[in-house]
């Protein structure tokens, strides 16, 4: 079975952009999932049932398996840059000169990513009512309304849905990479670039206890600032003889390992209300 990706020109290999971001290490690929119109028109694989009705559930299985497809739809794998790629759908409904067009959403969503660098932090999540509202000239809706059951299929698969929310507007309701993991890539990019800026000043210095201590001290200070700004819960930098063994030193290499616990987003918020007897709150006689 051939696993493929899918773009507006049909079924194509779309891993190049994700692979490019992976190769650069300091970039993310903001990509379009196929429009629902593309899914509906595809025949191999097909995303419609026996009655020709489009089913979101078929996206997660790569197509309607009952129709015996010879190809399956998939997102990039790890080797293809899955954890550097962010997919969004469906297409946006955009009014252009009085005519409604279906436009892939990535170009509009990229504005949300740019905006957060001026109003928030590099690791802020682009989703929800604060940073995930999608807009632009002529944008008036989406080509298809994903409901809750649709979103329960799409986000675990790796596609972040854009939906209309009453009182908010078009809103990104997903925070996953194509690897189906929580989106922490931009926090990692910021950390890796910050540590790299420290290390460049130590090229051709001796790999000894003093140099390693200086680097670790600077790295700890940098990571403390990331932690203070809400980028990580906790971190640990290691640069000593445990990871700079004699063999490493003899090969003119220095190694610093940074371990992080990235901050996670509130994707599900639970509100619990408990009824108490009169006077229990004042006395504190409850758990």
C-alpha atoms as a PDB file:
ATOM      1  CA  UNK A   1       0.000   0.000   0.000  1.00  0.00           C
ATOM      2  CA  UNK A   2       1.432   3.386  -1.007  1.00  0.00           C
ATOM      3  CA  UNK A   3       1.190   6.119   1.593  1.00  0.00           C
ATOM      4  CA  UNK A   4       0.818   9.540   0.058  1.00  0.00           C
ATOM      5  CA  UNK A   5       0.190  13.136   0.854  1.00  0.00           C
ATOM      6  CA  UNK A   6      -2.324  15.280  -0.897  1.00  0.00           C
ATOM      7  CA  UNK A   7      -2.370  18.811  -2.309  1.00  0.00           C
ATOM      8  CA  UNK A   8      -4.615  20.928  -4.467  1.00  0.00           C
ATOM      9  CA  UNK A   9      -3.174  19.428  -7.638  1.00  0.00           C
ATOM     10  CA  UNK A  10      -4.196  15.929  -6.618  1.00  0.00           C
ATOM     11  CA  UNK A  11      -2.367  13.226  -4.750  1.00  0.00           C
ATOM     12  CA  UNK A  12       1.237  14.324  -4.454  1.00  0.00           C
ATOM     13  CA  UNK A  13       4.199  13.873  -2.134  1.00  0.00           C
ATOM     14  CA  UNK A  14       4.033  16.881   0.194  1.00  0.00           C
ATOM     15  CA  UNK A  15       6.847  15.882   2.526  1.00  0.00           C
ATOM     16  CA  UNK A  16       9.353  18.253   0.904  1.00  0.00           C
ATOM     17  CA  UNK A  17       8.295  21.251   2.979  1.00  0.00           C
ATOM     18  CA  UNK A  18       8.250  19.270   6.221  1.00  0.00           C
ATOM     19  CA  UNK A  19      11.641  17.764   5.330  1.00  0.00           C
ATOM     20  CA  UNK A  20      13.038  21.218   4.585  1.00  0.00           C
ATOM     21  CA  UNK A  21      11.925  22.493   8.003  1.00  0.00           C
ATOM     22  CA  UNK A  22      13.484  19.435   9.620  1.00  0.00           C
ATOM     23  CA  UNK A  23      16.753  19.979   7.755  1.00  0.00           C
ATOM     24  CA  UNK A  24      16.893  23.614   8.865  1.00  0.00           C
ATOM     25  CA  UNK A  25      16.082  22.668  12.478  1.00  0.00           C
ATOM     26  CA  UNK A  26      15.029  26.245  13.254  1.00  0.00           C
ATOM     27  CA  UNK A  27      11.830  26.350  11.202  1.00  0.00           C
ATOM     28  CA  UNK A  28       8.282  25.034  11.227  1.00  0.00           C
ATOM     29  CA  UNK A  29       6.161  24.189   8.194  1.00  0.00           C
ATOM     30  CA  UNK A  30       2.632  25.617   8.322  1.00  0.00           C
ATOM     31  CA  UNK A  31       0.796  23.457   5.805  1.00  0.00           C
ATOM     32  CA  UNK A  32      -2.637  23.006   4.304  1.00  0.00           C
ATOM     33  CA  UNK A  33      -4.526  19.799   4.786  1.00  0.00           C
ATOM     34  CA  UNK A  34      -6.525  18.926   1.673  1.00  0.00           C
ATOM     35  CA  UNK A  35      -9.690  20.941   1.342  1.00  0.00           C
ATOM     36  CA  UNK A  36     -12.898  19.034   1.907  1.00  0.00           C
ATOM     37  CA  UNK A  37     -13.620  19.626  -1.771  1.00  0.00           C
ATOM     38  CA  UNK A  38     -10.386  17.751  -2.570  1.00  0.00           C
ATOM     39  CA  UNK A  39     -11.314  14.918  -0.234  1.00  0.00           C
ATOM     40  CA  UNK A  40     -14.750  14.654  -1.824  1.00  0.00           C
ATOM     41  CA  UNK A  41     -13.368  14.548  -5.363  1.00  0.00           C
ATOM     42  CA  UNK A  42     -10.673  11.967  -4.622  1.00  0.00           C
ATOM     43  CA  UNK A  43     -11.423   8.457  -5.889  1.00  0.00           C
ATOM     44  CA  UNK A  44      -8.293   6.517  -4.931  1.00  0.00           C
ATOM     45  CA  UNK A  45      -8.387   6.758  -2.008  1.00  0.00           C
ATOM     46  CA  UNK A  46     -12.023   7.702  -1.580  1.00  0.00           C
ATOM     47  CA  UNK A  47     -13.361   9.532   1.449  1.00  0.00           C
ATOM     48  CA  UNK A  48     -17.039   8.885   0.774  1.00  0.00           C
ATOM     49  CA  UNK A  49     -19.283   6.018   1.804  1.00  0.00           C
ATOM     50  CA  UNK A  50     -21.286   3.715  -0.456  1.00  0.00           C
ATOM     51  CA  UNK A  51     -23.858   6.486  -0.899  1.00  0.00           C
ATOM     52  CA  UNK A  52     -21.231   9.049  -1.932  1.00  0.00           C
ATOM     53  CA  UNK A  53     -21.375  10.951   1.366  1.00  0.00           C
ATOM     54  CA  UNK A  54     -18.119  12.412   2.671  1.00  0.00           C
ATOM     55  CA  UNK A  55     -17.047  11.065   6.075  1.00  0.00           C
ATOM     56  CA  UNK A  56     -14.349  12.745   8.178  1.00  0.00           C
ATOM     57  CA  UNK A  57     -13.618   9.378   9.830  1.00  0.00           C
ATOM     58  CA  UNK A  58     -12.101   8.149   6.558  1.00  0.00           C
ATOM     59  CA  UNK A  59      -9.336  10.769   6.814  1.00  0.00           C
ATOM     60  CA  UNK A  60      -7.822   9.017   9.830  1.00  0.00           C
ATOM     61  CA  UNK A  61      -7.854   5.637   8.056  1.00  0.00           C
ATOM     62  CA  UNK A  62      -6.310   7.094   4.904  1.00  0.00           C
ATOM     63  CA  UNK A  63      -9.492   6.539   2.934  1.00  0.00           C
ATOM     64  CA  UNK A  64     -12.525   4.263   2.792  1.00  0.00           C
ATOM     65  CA  UNK A  65     -10.883   0.848   3.124  1.00  0.00           C
ATOM     66  CA  UNK A  66     -14.079  -0.899   2.006  1.00  0.00           C
ATOM     67  CA  UNK A  67     -13.416   0.458  -1.492  1.00  0.00           C
ATOM     68  CA  UNK A  68     -10.038  -1.333  -1.621  1.00  0.00           C
ATOM     69  CA  UNK A  69      -7.857   1.677  -2.460  1.00  0.00           C
ATOM     70  CA  UNK A  70      -4.386   1.138  -3.881  1.00  0.00           C
ATOM     71  CA  UNK A  71      -3.162   4.305  -2.149  1.00  0.00           C
ATOM     72  CA  UNK A  72      -3.754   5.752   1.296  1.00  0.00           C
ATOM     73  CA  UNK A  73      -3.636   9.333   2.512  1.00  0.00           C
ATOM     74  CA  UNK A  74      -1.162  10.043   5.300  1.00  0.00           C
ATOM     75  CA  UNK A  75       0.806  12.849   6.880  1.00  0.00           C
ATOM     76  CA  UNK A  76       4.623  12.825   6.884  1.00  0.00           C
ATOM     77  CA  UNK A  77       6.407  10.351   9.160  1.00  0.00           C
ATOM     78  CA  UNK A  78       9.145  11.209  11.634  1.00  0.00           C
ATOM     79  CA  UNK A  79      11.863  10.836   9.008  1.00  0.00           C
ATOM     80  CA  UNK A  80       9.869  13.152   6.744  1.00  0.00           C
ATOM     81  CA  UNK A  81       9.699  15.924   9.341  1.00  0.00           C
ATOM     82  CA  UNK A  82       6.382  15.139  11.052  1.00  0.00           C
ATOM     83  CA  UNK A  83       7.292  16.993  14.243  1.00  0.00           C
ATOM     84  CA  UNK A  84       8.164  20.120  12.242  1.00  0.00           C
ATOM     85  CA  UNK A  85       4.893  20.195  10.264  1.00  0.00           C
ATOM     86  CA  UNK A  86       1.545  21.696  11.290  1.00  0.00           C
ATOM     87  CA  UNK A  87      -1.501  20.938   9.154  1.00  0.00           C
ATOM     88  CA  UNK A  88      -4.703  23.005   9.126  1.00  0.00           C
ATOM     89  CA  UNK A  89      -8.116  22.585   7.535  1.00  0.00           C
ATOM     90  CA  UNK A  90     -10.691  22.920   6.112  1.00  0.00           C
ATOM     91  CA  UNK A  91     -10.480  25.499   3.349  1.00  0.00           C
ATOM     92  CA  UNK A  92     -11.638  29.022   4.126  1.00  0.00           C
ATOM     93  CA  UNK A  93     -14.546  30.620   2.348  1.00  0.00           C
ATOM     94  CA  UNK A  94     -13.277  33.937   0.984  1.00  0.00           C
ATOM     95  CA  UNK A  95     -15.265  36.570  -0.894  1.00  0.00           C
ATOM     96  CA  UNK A  96     -13.354  37.943  -3.876  1.00  0.00           C
ATOM     97  CA  UNK A  97     -15.017  40.512  -6.146  1.00  0.00           C
ATOM     98  CA  UNK A  98     -18.434  39.266  -5.117  1.00  0.00           C
ATOM     99  CA  UNK A  99     -17.579  35.617  -5.697  1.00  0.00           C
ATOM    100  CA  UNK A 100     -17.001  33.057  -2.919  1.00  0.00           C
ATOM    101  CA  UNK A 101     -13.802  31.044  -3.289  1.00  0.00           C
ATOM    102  CA  UNK A 102     -12.385  28.155  -1.268  1.00  0.00           C
ATOM    103  CA  UNK A 103      -8.870  29.153  -0.189  1.00  0.00           C
ATOM    104  CA  UNK A 104      -6.403  26.934   1.745  1.00  0.00           C
ATOM    105  CA  UNK A 105      -5.937  28.365   5.259  1.00  0.00           C
ATOM    106  CA  UNK A 106      -2.155  28.219   5.850  1.00  0.00           C
ATOM    107  CA  UNK A 107      -1.368  31.694   4.511  1.00  0.00           C
ATOM    108  CA  UNK A 108      -3.965  33.248   6.833  1.00  0.00           C
ATOM    109  CA  UNK A 109      -2.863  31.167   9.823  1.00  0.00           C
ATOM    110  CA  UNK A 110       0.763  32.199   9.297  1.00  0.00           C
ATOM    111  CA  UNK A 111      -0.361  35.715  10.294  1.00  0.00           C
ATOM    112  CA  UNK A 112      -1.400  34.328  13.683  1.00  0.00           C
ATOM    113  CA  UNK A 113       2.099  32.955  14.177  1.00  0.00           C
ATOM    114  CA  UNK A 114       3.646  36.305  13.233  1.00  0.00           C
ATOM    115  CA  UNK A 115       1.288  38.187  15.561  1.00  0.00           C
ATOM    116  CA  UNK A 116       2.241  36.131  18.599  1.00  0.00           C
ATOM    117  CA  UNK A 117       5.880  37.198  18.314  1.00  0.00           C
ATOM    118  CA  UNK A 118       4.793  40.809  18.782  1.00  0.00           C
ATOM    119  CA  UNK A 119       2.106  40.273  21.419  1.00  0.00           C
ATOM    120  CA  UNK A 120       3.076  37.053  23.224  1.00  0.00           C
ATOM    121  CA  UNK A 121       6.006  34.600  23.463  1.00  0.00           C
ATOM    122  CA  UNK A 122       7.614  32.297  20.871  1.00  0.00           C
ATOM    123  CA  UNK A 123       6.157  29.293  22.704  1.00  0.00           C
ATOM    124  CA  UNK A 124       2.625  30.702  23.024  1.00  0.00           C
ATOM    125  CA  UNK A 125       0.032  28.379  21.536  1.00  0.00           C
ATOM    126  CA  UNK A 126      -1.633  29.510  18.306  1.00  0.00           C
ATOM    127  CA  UNK A 127      -5.111  28.209  19.027  1.00  0.00           C
ATOM    128  CA  UNK A 128      -8.208  29.247  20.930  1.00  0.00           C
ATOM    129  CA  UNK A 129      -9.867  32.658  21.278  1.00  0.00           C
ATOM    130  CA  UNK A 130      -6.754  34.659  22.221  1.00  0.00           C
ATOM    131  CA  UNK A 131      -4.274  33.719  19.485  1.00  0.00           C
ATOM    132  CA  UNK A 132      -6.206  31.343  17.249  1.00  0.00           C
ATOM    133  CA  UNK A 133      -8.845  33.578  15.644  1.00  0.00           C
ATOM    134  CA  UNK A 134      -8.386  33.431  11.866  1.00  0.00           C
ATOM    135  CA  UNK A 135      -9.263  36.466   9.800  1.00  0.00           C
ATOM    136  CA  UNK A 136      -8.310  38.469   6.747  1.00  0.00           C
ATOM    137  CA  UNK A 137      -9.759  40.444   3.865  1.00  0.00           C
ATOM    138  CA  UNK A 138     -12.883  38.726   2.583  1.00  0.00           C
ATOM    139  CA  UNK A 139     -12.725  35.759   4.967  1.00  0.00           C
ATOM    140  CA  UNK A 140     -16.318  34.885   5.820  1.00  0.00           C
ATOM    141  CA  UNK A 141     -16.370  31.244   6.898  1.00  0.00           C
ATOM    142  CA  UNK A 142     -15.160  27.734   6.165  1.00  0.00           C
ATOM    143  CA  UNK A 143     -16.097  25.395   3.353  1.00  0.00           C
ATOM    144  CA  UNK A 144     -17.198  22.739   5.867  1.00  0.00           C
ATOM    145  CA  UNK A 145     -18.272  22.847   9.506  1.00  0.00           C
ATOM    146  CA  UNK A 146     -16.347  20.305  11.560  1.00  0.00           C
ATOM    147  CA  UNK A 147     -18.393  19.251  14.593  1.00  0.00           C
ATOM    148  CA  UNK A 148     -17.067  17.852  17.872  1.00  0.00           C
ATOM    149  CA  UNK A 149     -16.960  14.262  16.599  1.00  0.00           C
ATOM    150  CA  UNK A 150     -15.036  15.429  13.505  1.00  0.00           C
ATOM    151  CA  UNK A 151     -12.513  17.257  15.666  1.00  0.00           C
ATOM    152  CA  UNK A 152     -12.079  14.165  17.818  1.00  0.00           C
ATOM    153  CA  UNK A 153     -10.899  12.405  14.646  1.00  0.00           C
ATOM    154  CA  UNK A 154      -8.822  15.164  13.073  1.00  0.00           C
ATOM    155  CA  UNK A 155      -6.633  16.450  15.910  1.00  0.00           C
ATOM    156  CA  UNK A 156      -5.369  13.007  17.058  1.00  0.00           C
ATOM    157  CA  UNK A 157      -4.589  12.292  13.400  1.00  0.00           C
ATOM    158  CA  UNK A 158      -2.520  15.491  13.178  1.00  0.00           C
ATOM    159  CA  UNK A 159      -4.817  18.009  11.456  1.00  0.00           C
ATOM    160  CA  UNK A 160      -5.726  21.136  13.419  1.00  0.00           C
ATOM    161  CA  UNK A 161      -9.321  22.123  12.618  1.00  0.00           C
ATOM    162  CA  UNK A 162     -10.571  25.662  12.063  1.00  0.00           C
ATOM    163  CA  UNK A 163     -14.176  26.044  13.201  1.00  0.00           C
ATOM    164  CA  UNK A 164     -16.677  28.833  13.722  1.00  0.00           C
ATOM    165  CA  UNK A 165     -17.352  29.666  17.362  1.00  0.00           C
ATOM    166  CA  UNK A 166     -20.276  31.855  18.292  1.00  0.00           C
ATOM    167  CA  UNK A 167     -19.089  35.187  19.698  1.00  0.00           C
ATOM    168  CA  UNK A 168     -15.480  34.502  18.650  1.00  0.00           C
ATOM    169  CA  UNK A 169     -15.358  33.793  14.928  1.00  0.00           C
ATOM    170  CA  UNK A 170     -13.222  31.356  12.971  1.00  0.00           C
ATOM    171  CA  UNK A 171     -10.956  29.731  15.531  1.00  0.00           C
ATOM    172  CA  UNK A 172      -8.145  27.172  15.431  1.00  0.00           C
ATOM    173  CA  UNK A 173      -9.106  24.352  17.783  1.00  0.00           C
ATOM    174  CA  UNK A 174      -6.040  22.150  17.601  1.00  0.00           C
ATOM    175  CA  UNK A 175      -2.422  22.189  18.700  1.00  0.00           C
ATOM    176  CA  UNK A 176      -0.793  19.145  17.152  1.00  0.00           C
ATOM    177  CA  UNK A 177       2.045  18.431  14.750  1.00  0.00           C
ATOM    178  CA  UNK A 178       1.781  15.764  12.076  1.00  0.00           C
ATOM    179  CA  UNK A 179       3.478  13.539  14.648  1.00  0.00           C
ATOM    180  CA  UNK A 180       0.231  13.811  16.658  1.00  0.00           C
ATOM    181  CA  UNK A 181       2.183  15.330  19.543  1.00  0.00           C
ATOM    182  CA  UNK A 182       1.518  18.594  21.349  1.00  0.00           C
ATOM    183  CA  UNK A 183       2.975  21.601  19.576  1.00  0.00           C
ATOM    184  CA  UNK A 184       6.238  22.506  21.394  1.00  0.00           C
ATOM    185  CA  UNK A 185       8.413  22.925  18.297  1.00  0.00           C
ATOM    186  CA  UNK A 186       8.720  26.720  18.525  1.00  0.00           C
ATOM    187  CA  UNK A 187       9.777  26.550  22.171  1.00  0.00           C
ATOM    188  CA  UNK A 188      12.483  24.057  21.191  1.00  0.00           C
ATOM    189  CA  UNK A 189      13.630  26.268  18.313  1.00  0.00           C
ATOM    190  CA  UNK A 190      13.974  29.228  20.681  1.00  0.00           C
ATOM    191  CA  UNK A 191      15.921  27.138  23.205  1.00  0.00           C
ATOM    192  CA  UNK A 192      18.213  25.577  20.602  1.00  0.00           C
ATOM    193  CA  UNK A 193      19.020  28.934  19.037  1.00  0.00           C
ATOM    194  CA  UNK A 194      19.679  30.473  22.460  1.00  0.00           C
ATOM    195  CA  UNK A 195      22.093  27.708  23.481  1.00  0.00           C
ATOM    196  CA  UNK A 196      23.762  27.849  20.055  1.00  0.00           C
ATOM    197  CA  UNK A 197      24.417  31.592  20.543  1.00  0.00           C
ATOM    198  CA  UNK A 198      26.202  30.760  23.799  1.00  0.00           C
ATOM    199  CA  UNK A 199      28.266  27.954  22.293  1.00  0.00           C
ATOM    200  CA  UNK A 200      29.577  29.955  19.327  1.00  0.00           C
ATOM    201  CA  UNK A 201      31.749  32.005  21.702  1.00  0.00           C
ATOM    202  CA  UNK A 202      33.514  28.860  22.908  1.00  0.00           C
ATOM    203  CA  UNK A 203      34.613  27.335  19.615  1.00  0.00           C
ATOM    204  CA  UNK A 204      38.340  26.393  19.855  1.00  0.00           C
ATOM    205  CA  UNK A 205      38.413  26.892  23.616  1.00  0.00           C
ATOM    206  CA  UNK A 206      39.816  24.053  25.700  1.00  0.00           C
ATOM    207  CA  UNK A 207      37.383  21.349  26.735  1.00  0.00           C
ATOM    208  CA  UNK A 208      38.239  21.426  30.424  1.00  0.00           C
ATOM    209  CA  UNK A 209      36.368  21.759  33.707  1.00  0.00           C
ATOM    210  CA  UNK A 210      36.489  25.566  33.708  1.00  0.00           C
ATOM    211  CA  UNK A 211      35.156  25.953  30.162  1.00  0.00           C
ATOM    212  CA  UNK A 212      32.379  23.431  30.728  1.00  0.00           C
ATOM    213  CA  UNK A 213      31.357  25.197  33.940  1.00  0.00           C
ATOM    214  CA  UNK A 214      31.226  28.583  32.186  1.00  0.00           C
ATOM    215  CA  UNK A 215      29.033  27.196  29.398  1.00  0.00           C
ATOM    216  CA  UNK A 216      26.695  25.429  31.814  1.00  0.00           C
ATOM    217  CA  UNK A 217      26.362  28.575  33.949  1.00  0.00           C
ATOM    218  CA  UNK A 218      25.380  30.655  30.921  1.00  0.00           C
ATOM    219  CA  UNK A 219      23.010  27.941  29.692  1.00  0.00           C
ATOM    220  CA  UNK A 220      21.388  27.705  33.121  1.00  0.00           C
ATOM    221  CA  UNK A 221      20.898  31.478  33.191  1.00  0.00           C
ATOM    222  CA  UNK A 222      19.330  31.412  29.721  1.00  0.00           C
ATOM    223  CA  UNK A 223      17.008  28.557  30.631  1.00  0.00           C
ATOM    224  CA  UNK A 224      16.006  30.292  33.858  1.00  0.00           C
ATOM    225  CA  UNK A 225      14.786  33.217  31.739  1.00  0.00           C
ATOM    226  CA  UNK A 226      12.793  30.816  29.534  1.00  0.00           C
ATOM    227  CA  UNK A 227      11.283  29.235  32.644  1.00  0.00           C
ATOM    228  CA  UNK A 228      10.447  32.653  34.156  1.00  0.00           C
ATOM    229  CA  UNK A 229       8.656  33.612  30.933  1.00  0.00           C
ATOM    230  CA  UNK A 230       6.566  30.427  31.017  1.00  0.00           C
ATOM    231  CA  UNK A 231       8.350  28.462  28.278  1.00  0.00           C
ATOM    232  CA  UNK A 232       9.154  25.382  30.376  1.00  0.00           C
ATOM    233  CA  UNK A 233       8.101  23.898  33.690  1.00  0.00           C
ATOM    234  CA  UNK A 234      11.599  22.687  34.503  1.00  0.00           C
ATOM    235  CA  UNK A 235      14.989  22.088  32.879  1.00  0.00           C
ATOM    236  CA  UNK A 236      18.396  20.551  33.466  1.00  0.00           C
ATOM    237  CA  UNK A 237      21.675  21.260  31.686  1.00  0.00           C
ATOM    238  CA  UNK A 238      24.494  18.723  31.836  1.00  0.00           C
ATOM    239  CA  UNK A 239      28.021  19.438  30.634  1.00  0.00           C
ATOM    240  CA  UNK A 240      30.606  17.485  32.595  1.00  0.00           C
ATOM    241  CA  UNK A 241      32.671  14.305  32.338  1.00  0.00           C
ATOM    242  CA  UNK A 242      29.563  12.138  32.086  1.00  0.00           C
ATOM    243  CA  UNK A 243      28.791  13.403  28.585  1.00  0.00           C
ATOM    244  CA  UNK A 244      32.263  14.749  27.739  1.00  0.00           C
ATOM    245  CA  UNK A 245      34.152  11.490  28.021  1.00  0.00           C
ATOM    246  CA  UNK A 246      37.781  11.038  27.042  1.00  0.00           C
ATOM    247  CA  UNK A 247      36.711   9.786  23.620  1.00  0.00           C
ATOM    248  CA  UNK A 248      34.508  12.838  23.061  1.00  0.00           C
ATOM    249  CA  UNK A 249      37.304  15.202  24.101  1.00  0.00           C
ATOM    250  CA  UNK A 250      39.870  13.372  21.954  1.00  0.00           C
ATOM    251  CA  UNK A 251      37.597  13.964  18.939  1.00  0.00           C
ATOM    252  CA  UNK A 252      37.640  17.736  19.633  1.00  0.00           C
ATOM    253  CA  UNK A 253      33.940  17.746  20.543  1.00  0.00           C
ATOM    254  CA  UNK A 254      32.121  19.390  23.421  1.00  0.00           C
ATOM    255  CA  UNK A 255      28.633  18.247  24.442  1.00  0.00           C
ATOM    256  CA  UNK A 256      25.962  19.986  26.496  1.00  0.00           C
ATOM    257  CA  UNK A 257      22.679  18.143  27.051  1.00  0.00           C
ATOM    258  CA  UNK A 258      19.574  20.166  27.830  1.00  0.00           C
ATOM    259  CA  UNK A 259      16.538  18.393  29.272  1.00  0.00           C
ATOM    260  CA  UNK A 260      13.240  20.291  29.322  1.00  0.00           C
ATOM    261  CA  UNK A 261       9.685  19.823  30.526  1.00  0.00           C
ATOM    262  CA  UNK A 262       7.782  22.084  28.113  1.00  0.00           C
ATOM    263  CA  UNK A 263       4.663  23.891  29.236  1.00  0.00           C
ATOM    264  CA  UNK A 264       1.461  22.206  28.038  1.00  0.00           C
ATOM    265  CA  UNK A 265      -1.692  23.977  26.957  1.00  0.00           C
ATOM    266  CA  UNK A 266      -5.183  23.731  28.462  1.00  0.00           C
ATOM    267  CA  UNK A 267      -6.789  21.867  25.572  1.00  0.00           C
ATOM    268  CA  UNK A 268      -9.562  20.568  27.826  1.00  0.00           C
ATOM    269  CA  UNK A 269     -10.777  22.753  30.686  1.00  0.00           C
ATOM    270  CA  UNK A 270     -12.949  21.053  33.302  1.00  0.00           C
ATOM    271  CA  UNK A 271     -15.198  23.024  35.640  1.00  0.00           C
ATOM    272  CA  UNK A 272     -16.517  21.192  38.687  1.00  0.00           C
ATOM    273  CA  UNK A 273     -19.232  22.566  40.963  1.00  0.00           C
ATOM    274  CA  UNK A 274     -19.805  21.016  44.389  1.00  0.00           C
ATOM    275  CA  UNK A 275     -22.814  21.675  46.622  1.00  0.00           C
ATOM    276  CA  UNK A 276     -21.923  22.051  50.306  1.00  0.00           C
ATOM    277  CA  UNK A 277     -23.894  22.294  53.515  1.00  0.00           C
ATOM    278  CA  UNK A 278     -24.392  25.705  55.118  1.00  0.00           C
ATOM    279  CA  UNK A 279     -21.259  26.900  56.925  1.00  0.00           C
ATOM    280  CA  UNK A 280     -18.814  24.405  55.379  1.00  0.00           C
ATOM    281  CA  UNK A 281     -16.913  26.980  53.334  1.00  0.00           C
ATOM    282  CA  UNK A 282     -16.396  29.249  56.336  1.00  0.00           C
ATOM    283  CA  UNK A 283     -15.190  26.398  58.532  1.00  0.00           C
ATOM    284  CA  UNK A 284     -13.064  24.830  55.783  1.00  0.00           C
ATOM    285  CA  UNK A 285     -14.585  21.471  56.735  1.00  0.00           C
ATOM    286  CA  UNK A 286     -14.534  20.022  53.235  1.00  0.00           C
ATOM    287  CA  UNK A 287     -12.021  18.545  50.751  1.00  0.00           C
END
